[in-house]
Amino acid sequence: MPKHNTENERIKRAYFAHLQAARGLSEASIDAVAKAIHRFETSTGFRSFKKFHIEQVMAFRRRLDEAVAVRTGKPLSKATILQTMNAMRAFALWLAEQPGYRSRIRYSDADYFRLSEKDTRVAKAAQPRPVPTPEQIEFVLGRIPANTDIERRNRAVIAFTWLTGVRDGAAASLKLKHVSLTARTANQDPREVKTKNSKTQMTTFFPVGGAAQRIVEEWIEFLVSERLWGRDDPLFPATLVKRGPDCQFHTAGLARKHWKNAGPIRAIFREAFARAGLPGFNPHSFRHALAILGERSCNTPEEFKAWSQNLGHEQVLTTFTSYGQVSAHRQAEVIKNIGEERQRPDELRELVQRLAAIAGRA
């Protein structure tokens, strides 16, 4: 069976260029589209897109239901299937405008790349995300050893994420000059920092308490005073790996360069929480934890708006709907407290009973 179609590859290349130049999609987003199209080609046996037929879409939909994820070995989630079908629908609409394909694909054909309303609701249903508590984060920070440069860096990146809520991609690309301990800020400059949607953001340290700020301050002081690093050096450097006398590669401290991606940071989080005997929370879960902390700490709409903006959200509703979901346990506590707060005190209840008795006798 063929593993590619030359004609398809040419038109796919044109489509990816369109997504990047005309629609401004990131490389990661384009990779996701490419994966969806490849799934469809695999389903059709890599037939030319010019031989498109709606029966191919129906067969493709059935195969998605039967497919399993390579990494987990479990059936594809409805969310993954929805993302795949949406990507193919957009591609079909674009193909219908291209020379050589207009007579083969109609705009209405793209509608077959839709899930049922029921499956769409399932795919879009909000799933409860595990979120660490401030106590768990402090426990982990206290359990991480700090005997080597690598260990101190690992502890600092977790503390910094809790203190600022920066995304792991931004943390991996920050330089020392982007953090001001005096102003207690982190400047996420998109010209040098990998921010979401290349947005500029000035983040002030959140008042999380505990040891986080002290750990970050000690880490920066260590890099500047003991390692003599400059403003353009990475805040969280990659691990230096060298070949030893045994011709094997070994960890040799800190490299004066950035990580290529955020993968090592996510691994640091997994290992730190596993070592503490806790679930493997990822860096993004800290943003959810900060949103919940903000809901409990802020006393006015203005305070919560500032807290939301500090997370990089332009709209407060983003913090509420995407990050501020009340856990089932907390939901029960809130409902119970509401009932307790509205119960009458004993003195008031006794007074009401006496008045009722008097009224009855009258």
Protein backbone atom coordinates (compact mmCIF):
# COMPACT_ATOMS: atom_id res chain seq x y z
CA MET A 1 0.00 0.00 0.00
CA PRO A 2 1.40 3.47 -0.87
CA LYS A 3 2.38 5.76 1.99
CA HIS A 4 2.02 9.02 0.13
CA ASN A 5 0.57 10.57 -2.99
CA THR A 6 2.81 13.00 -4.88
CA GLU A 7 -0.10 15.03 -6.22
CA ASN A 8 -1.60 15.28 -2.75
CA GLU A 9 1.71 16.36 -1.27
CA ARG A 10 1.94 19.32 -3.64
CA ILE A 11 -1.52 20.65 -2.82
CA LYS A 12 -0.98 20.03 0.91
CA ARG A 13 2.21 22.07 0.77
CA ALA A 14 0.27 24.92 -0.81
CA TYR A 15 -2.40 24.65 1.88
CA PHE A 16 0.11 24.72 4.73
CA ALA A 17 1.72 27.81 3.21
CA HIS A 18 -1.75 29.40 3.08
CA LEU A 19 -2.37 28.58 6.74
CA GLN A 20 0.91 30.12 7.78
CA ALA A 21 1.02 33.22 5.57
CA ALA A 22 -2.65 34.09 5.16
CA ARG A 23 -4.18 32.84 8.40
CA GLY A 24 -1.20 33.21 10.73
CA LEU A 25 -1.34 29.72 12.23
CA SER A 26 1.58 28.58 14.33
CA GLU A 27 3.81 25.67 13.41
CA ALA A 28 2.19 23.52 16.09
CA SER A 29 -1.31 24.25 14.74
CA ILE A 30 -0.23 23.42 11.19
CA ASP A 31 1.28 20.15 12.43
CA ALA A 32 -2.10 19.24 13.92
CA VAL A 33 -3.80 19.96 10.58
CA ALA A 34 -1.19 17.88 8.76
CA LYS A 35 -1.84 14.98 11.12
CA ALA A 36 -5.59 15.17 10.48
CA ILE A 37 -5.13 15.16 6.70
CA HIS A 38 -2.70 12.26 6.94
CA ARG A 39 -5.31 10.29 8.90
CA PHE A 40 -7.79 10.87 6.09
CA GLU A 41 -5.28 9.87 3.40
CA THR A 42 -4.47 6.69 5.30
CA SER A 43 -8.19 5.89 5.42
CA THR A 44 -8.56 6.32 1.62
CA GLY A 45 -5.37 4.45 0.77
CA PHE A 46 -3.74 7.76 -0.30
CA ARG A 47 -6.07 8.24 -3.25
CA SER A 48 -5.87 11.59 -4.98
CA PHE A 49 -7.99 14.35 -3.49
CA LYS A 50 -9.35 14.82 -7.02
CA LYS A 51 -11.11 11.47 -6.60
CA PHE A 52 -12.90 12.66 -3.49
CA HIS A 53 -16.28 11.13 -2.70
CA ILE A 54 -18.57 11.48 0.30
CA GLU A 55 -18.39 7.71 0.85
CA GLN A 56 -14.74 8.24 1.80
CA VAL A 57 -15.82 10.62 4.56
CA MET A 58 -18.33 8.15 5.96
CA ALA A 59 -15.73 5.37 6.00
CA PHE A 60 -13.22 7.77 7.55
CA ARG A 61 -15.67 8.61 10.33
CA ARG A 62 -16.17 4.92 11.14
CA ARG A 63 -12.41 4.33 11.23
CA LEU A 64 -11.93 7.22 13.64
CA ASP A 65 -14.39 5.58 16.02
CA GLU A 66 -12.35 2.36 15.84
CA ALA A 67 -8.90 3.99 15.99
CA VAL A 68 -6.73 4.04 19.11
CA ALA A 69 -4.20 6.62 20.22
CA VAL A 70 -0.60 5.54 19.70
CA ARG A 71 0.59 6.97 23.02
CA THR A 72 -2.16 5.65 25.31
CA GLY A 73 -3.50 2.68 23.38
CA LYS A 74 -7.03 3.88 24.15
CA PRO A 75 -9.79 4.84 21.67
CA LEU A 76 -9.56 8.36 20.31
CA SER A 77 -11.45 10.87 22.40
CA LYS A 78 -14.44 12.71 20.98
CA ALA A 79 -12.44 15.93 21.29
CA THR A 80 -9.66 14.51 19.08
CA ILE A 81 -12.19 13.27 16.54
CA LEU A 82 -13.91 16.67 16.48
CA GLN A 83 -10.58 18.45 15.96
CA THR A 84 -9.71 16.06 13.12
CA MET A 85 -13.06 16.48 11.38
CA ASN A 86 -12.96 20.28 11.73
CA ALA A 87 -9.48 20.36 10.20
CA MET A 88 -10.64 18.23 7.27
CA ARG A 89 -13.75 20.36 6.75
CA ALA A 90 -11.64 23.52 6.52
CA PHE A 91 -9.29 21.76 4.09
CA ALA A 92 -12.19 20.60 1.91
CA LEU A 93 -13.59 24.13 1.74
CA TRP A 94 -10.18 25.43 0.65
CA LEU A 95 -9.77 22.65 -1.94
CA ALA A 96 -13.14 23.53 -3.47
CA GLU A 97 -11.66 26.89 -4.50
CA GLN A 98 -8.44 25.55 -6.07
CA PRO A 99 -7.92 25.05 -9.81
CA GLY A 100 -8.24 21.39 -10.72
CA TYR A 101 -10.38 20.64 -7.69
CA ARG A 102 -13.38 22.92 -8.19
CA SER A 103 -15.15 20.45 -10.44
CA ARG A 104 -14.36 17.54 -8.10
CA ILE A 105 -15.25 18.95 -4.69
CA ARG A 106 -18.30 21.05 -3.87
CA TYR A 107 -18.65 23.35 -0.88
CA SER A 108 -21.51 21.24 0.40
CA ASP A 109 -19.22 18.18 0.47
CA ALA A 110 -17.34 19.76 3.37
CA ASP A 111 -20.46 19.47 5.52
CA TYR A 112 -19.99 15.73 5.67
CA PHE A 113 -16.96 16.39 7.89
CA ARG A 114 -19.24 17.12 10.83
CA LEU A 115 -20.03 15.17 13.96
CA SER A 116 -23.56 14.66 15.16
CA GLU A 117 -24.87 17.23 17.61
CA LYS A 118 -24.67 14.64 20.36
CA ASP A 119 -21.03 13.77 19.68
CA THR A 120 -20.16 17.46 19.35
CA ARG A 121 -21.61 18.17 22.79
CA VAL A 122 -19.65 15.26 24.24
CA ALA A 123 -16.45 16.51 22.59
CA LYS A 124 -16.92 20.03 23.93
CA ALA A 125 -17.99 18.98 27.41
CA ALA A 126 -15.71 20.46 30.04
CA GLN A 127 -13.61 17.81 31.73
CA PRO A 128 -12.57 18.31 35.37
CA ARG A 129 -8.84 18.93 35.49
CA PRO A 130 -6.72 17.89 38.46
CA VAL A 131 -5.46 21.05 40.14
CA PRO A 132 -2.84 21.15 42.90
CA THR A 133 -3.60 22.97 46.11
CA PRO A 134 -1.24 25.63 47.50
CA GLU A 135 -0.40 23.21 50.31
CA GLN A 136 0.60 20.50 47.84
CA ILE A 137 2.80 22.90 45.89
CA GLU A 138 4.54 24.07 49.06
CA PHE A 139 5.02 20.45 50.10
CA VAL A 140 6.70 19.65 46.78
CA LEU A 141 8.95 22.71 46.96
CA GLY A 142 10.04 21.60 50.41
CA ARG A 143 10.81 18.08 49.25
CA ILE A 144 12.98 18.95 46.23
CA PRO A 145 16.69 18.67 47.09
CA ALA A 146 18.92 21.65 46.31
CA ASN A 147 22.40 20.16 46.52
CA THR A 148 23.42 20.54 42.87
CA ASP A 149 22.96 23.24 40.26
CA ILE A 150 20.47 21.02 38.41
CA GLU A 151 18.39 20.43 41.53
CA ARG A 152 18.36 24.14 42.39
CA ARG A 153 17.23 24.97 38.85
CA ASN A 154 14.47 22.36 38.98
CA ARG A 155 13.16 23.70 42.27
CA ALA A 156 13.36 27.29 40.99
CA VAL A 157 11.38 26.63 37.80
CA ILE A 158 8.53 25.10 39.82
CA ALA A 159 8.59 28.00 42.30
CA PHE A 160 8.68 30.56 39.48
CA THR A 161 5.71 28.95 37.73
CA TRP A 162 3.71 29.12 40.95
CA LEU A 163 4.81 32.71 41.59
CA THR A 164 4.01 34.04 38.10
CA GLY A 165 1.73 31.56 36.33
CA VAL A 166 3.85 31.77 33.16
CA ARG A 167 3.34 29.04 30.58
CA ASP A 168 6.08 26.45 30.26
CA GLY A 169 7.07 27.68 26.78
CA ALA A 170 7.62 31.18 28.16
CA ALA A 171 9.57 29.89 31.16
CA ALA A 172 11.89 27.95 28.86
CA SER A 173 12.72 31.08 26.84
CA LEU A 174 12.95 33.75 29.55
CA LYS A 175 16.24 35.56 30.11
CA LEU A 176 17.54 37.02 33.36
CA LYS A 177 16.84 40.54 32.12
CA HIS A 178 13.15 39.77 31.86
CA VAL A 179 12.75 39.38 35.64
CA SER A 180 12.94 42.28 38.09
CA LEU A 181 13.16 41.26 41.73
CA THR A 182 12.85 44.90 42.80
CA ALA A 183 9.59 45.43 40.93
CA ARG A 184 8.58 41.77 41.42
CA THR A 185 7.71 41.41 37.74
CA ALA A 186 8.37 39.14 34.76
CA ASN A 187 8.34 40.84 31.37
CA GLN A 188 7.12 38.39 28.74
CA ASP A 189 8.41 40.16 25.65
CA PRO A 190 7.22 38.25 22.55
CA ARG A 191 10.31 39.35 20.60
CA GLU A 192 12.40 37.05 22.81
CA VAL A 193 9.92 35.05 24.89
CA LYS A 194 7.61 32.38 23.49
CA THR A 195 4.26 33.75 24.65
CA LYS A 196 0.83 32.52 23.62
CA ASN A 197 -0.25 34.23 20.39
CA SER A 198 2.90 36.40 20.68
CA LYS A 199 1.20 38.67 23.21
CA THR A 200 3.16 41.14 25.30
CA GLN A 201 2.57 40.62 29.01
CA MET A 202 3.98 42.14 32.17
CA THR A 203 3.32 39.75 35.04
CA THR A 204 3.55 40.79 38.67
CA PHE A 205 4.42 38.12 41.22
CA PHE A 206 1.24 36.66 42.68
CA PRO A 207 0.88 36.84 46.49
CA VAL A 208 1.04 33.08 46.91
CA GLY A 209 3.00 33.17 50.17
CA GLY A 210 5.24 30.33 51.24
CA ALA A 211 8.76 29.79 49.94
CA ALA A 212 8.26 30.43 46.22
CA GLN A 213 9.54 34.01 46.06
CA ARG A 214 12.53 33.27 48.31
CA ILE A 215 13.53 30.31 46.13
CA VAL A 216 13.35 32.42 42.95
CA GLU A 217 15.36 35.24 44.54
CA GLU A 218 18.05 32.82 45.73
CA TRP A 219 18.21 31.21 42.28
CA ILE A 220 18.72 34.50 40.45
CA GLU A 221 21.27 35.63 43.04
CA PHE A 222 23.14 32.34 42.53
CA LEU A 223 23.27 32.76 38.75
CA VAL A 224 24.37 36.40 38.90
CA SER A 225 26.77 36.36 41.86
CA GLU A 226 28.25 32.87 41.81
CA ARG A 227 28.01 31.87 38.15
CA LEU A 228 28.52 35.44 36.87
CA TRP A 229 25.76 35.16 34.30
CA GLY A 230 24.64 38.24 32.40
CA ARG A 231 21.28 39.76 31.54
CA ASP A 232 20.99 37.92 28.22
CA ASP A 233 21.65 34.50 29.72
CA PRO A 234 18.70 32.12 30.23
CA LEU A 235 16.76 32.25 33.48
CA PHE A 236 16.38 28.48 33.41
CA PRO A 237 19.27 27.03 31.41
CA ALA A 238 19.36 23.66 29.73
CA THR A 239 21.33 20.76 31.18
CA LEU A 240 24.93 20.47 30.02
CA VAL A 241 25.73 16.98 28.77
CA LYS A 242 29.30 15.82 28.12
CA ARG A 243 30.95 12.59 27.08
CA GLY A 244 32.92 11.02 29.91
CA PRO A 245 36.03 8.81 29.94
CA ASP A 246 33.78 5.78 29.51
CA CYS A 247 32.50 7.26 26.21
CA GLN A 248 29.06 7.64 27.77
CA PHE A 249 27.18 10.92 28.01
CA HIS A 250 26.75 12.34 31.52
CA THR A 251 25.13 15.38 33.12
CA ALA A 252 27.77 18.05 33.71
CA GLY A 253 25.89 20.98 35.21
CA LEU A 254 24.18 23.88 33.47
CA ALA A 255 24.59 24.86 29.82
CA ARG A 256 24.62 28.56 28.97
CA LYS A 257 21.72 28.18 26.59
CA HIS A 258 17.95 27.85 26.56
CA TRP A 259 16.01 24.62 26.32
CA LYS A 260 14.81 23.98 22.76
CA ASN A 261 11.26 23.39 24.00
CA ALA A 262 9.23 23.03 27.19
CA GLY A 263 9.47 19.23 27.33
CA PRO A 264 12.20 19.19 30.03
CA ILE A 265 10.15 21.51 32.25
CA ARG A 266 7.14 19.20 32.07
CA ALA A 267 9.43 16.29 32.97
CA ILE A 268 10.74 18.23 35.98
CA PHE A 269 7.18 18.72 37.23
CA ARG A 270 6.29 15.05 36.78
CA GLU A 271 9.37 13.85 38.64
CA ALA A 272 9.02 16.35 41.48
CA PHE A 273 5.40 15.47 42.21
CA ALA A 274 6.06 11.74 41.83
CA ARG A 275 8.93 12.01 44.31
CA ALA A 276 6.54 13.67 46.76
CA GLY A 277 3.99 10.88 46.26
CA LEU A 278 1.46 13.21 44.60
CA PRO A 279 -0.33 13.11 41.22
CA GLY A 280 1.79 14.27 38.29
CA PHE A 281 0.51 17.82 37.89
CA ASN A 282 1.78 19.64 34.79
CA PRO A 283 2.93 23.29 34.63
CA HIS A 284 -0.39 24.49 33.18
CA SER A 285 -2.25 23.14 36.21
CA PHE A 286 -0.55 25.88 38.25
CA ARG A 287 -2.46 28.48 36.23
CA HIS A 288 -5.72 26.79 37.23
CA ALA A 289 -4.53 26.75 40.85
CA LEU A 290 -3.82 30.49 40.65
CA ALA A 291 -7.26 31.18 39.20
CA ILE A 292 -8.88 29.34 42.11
CA LEU A 293 -6.64 31.18 44.57
CA GLY A 294 -7.73 34.47 42.99
CA GLU A 295 -11.40 33.64 43.41
CA ARG A 296 -10.83 33.07 47.11
CA SER A 297 -8.44 35.96 47.70
CA CYS A 298 -9.97 38.85 45.72
CA ASN A 299 -12.60 40.91 47.50
CA THR A 300 -13.72 43.27 44.72
CA PRO A 301 -14.39 43.01 40.97
CA GLU A 302 -11.41 45.30 40.34
CA GLU A 303 -9.08 43.00 42.26
CA PHE A 304 -10.22 39.94 40.34
CA LYS A 305 -9.94 41.81 37.03
CA ALA A 306 -6.33 42.66 37.87
CA TRP A 307 -5.70 39.04 38.90
CA SER A 308 -7.18 37.84 35.61
CA GLN A 309 -5.06 40.24 33.55
CA ASN A 310 -1.99 39.11 35.44
CA LEU A 311 -2.70 35.60 34.13
CA GLY A 312 -2.72 37.06 30.63
CA HIS A 313 -6.48 36.95 30.13
CA GLU A 314 -8.03 39.86 28.28
CA GLN A 315 -11.52 38.88 29.44
CA VAL A 316 -12.43 38.01 33.03
CA LEU A 317 -14.84 35.38 31.69
CA THR A 318 -11.84 33.41 30.41
CA THR A 319 -10.61 33.05 33.97
CA PHE A 320 -14.06 32.09 35.21
CA THR A 321 -15.06 29.64 32.48
CA SER A 322 -11.74 28.05 31.52
CA TYR A 323 -9.74 28.26 34.73
CA GLY A 324 -12.10 28.95 37.59
CA GLN A 325 -14.32 25.90 37.63
CA VAL A 326 -15.37 24.98 41.16
CA SER A 327 -14.33 21.44 42.05
CA ALA A 328 -17.00 18.97 43.13
CA HIS A 329 -15.60 18.92 46.67
CA ARG A 330 -15.48 22.73 46.91
CA GLN A 331 -18.93 22.98 45.35
CA ALA A 332 -20.36 20.86 48.16
CA GLU A 333 -18.58 22.98 50.78
CA VAL A 334 -19.92 26.23 49.32
CA ILE A 335 -23.51 24.96 49.18
CA LYS A 336 -23.34 23.65 52.75
CA ASN A 337 -21.86 26.94 54.01
CA ILE A 338 -24.59 28.92 52.29
CA GLY A 339 -27.17 26.90 54.14
CA GLU A 340 -25.37 27.29 57.48
CA GLU A 341 -24.92 31.02 57.03
CA ARG A 342 -28.64 31.48 56.41
CA GLN A 343 -29.77 29.49 59.43
CA ARG A 344 -31.11 31.63 62.22
CA PRO A 345 -29.08 31.85 65.40
CA ASP A 346 -30.47 30.01 68.41
CA GLU A 347 -31.55 33.21 70.12
CA LEU A 348 -33.48 34.40 67.09
CA ARG A 349 -35.07 31.00 66.60
CA GLU A 350 -36.25 30.91 70.24
CA LEU A 351 -37.72 34.42 69.89
CA VAL A 352 -39.64 33.39 66.79
CA GLN A 353 -41.00 30.32 68.58
CA ARG A 354 -42.18 32.44 71.56
CA LEU A 355 -43.89 34.94 69.28
CA ALA A 356 -45.59 32.10 67.42
CA ALA A 357 -46.80 30.60 70.70
CA ILE A 358 -48.17 33.95 71.86
CA ALA A 359 -49.91 34.45 68.53
CA GLY A 360 -51.43 30.96 68.83
CA ARG A 361 -52.84 31.63 72.25
CA ALA A 362 -54.30 34.92 71.09
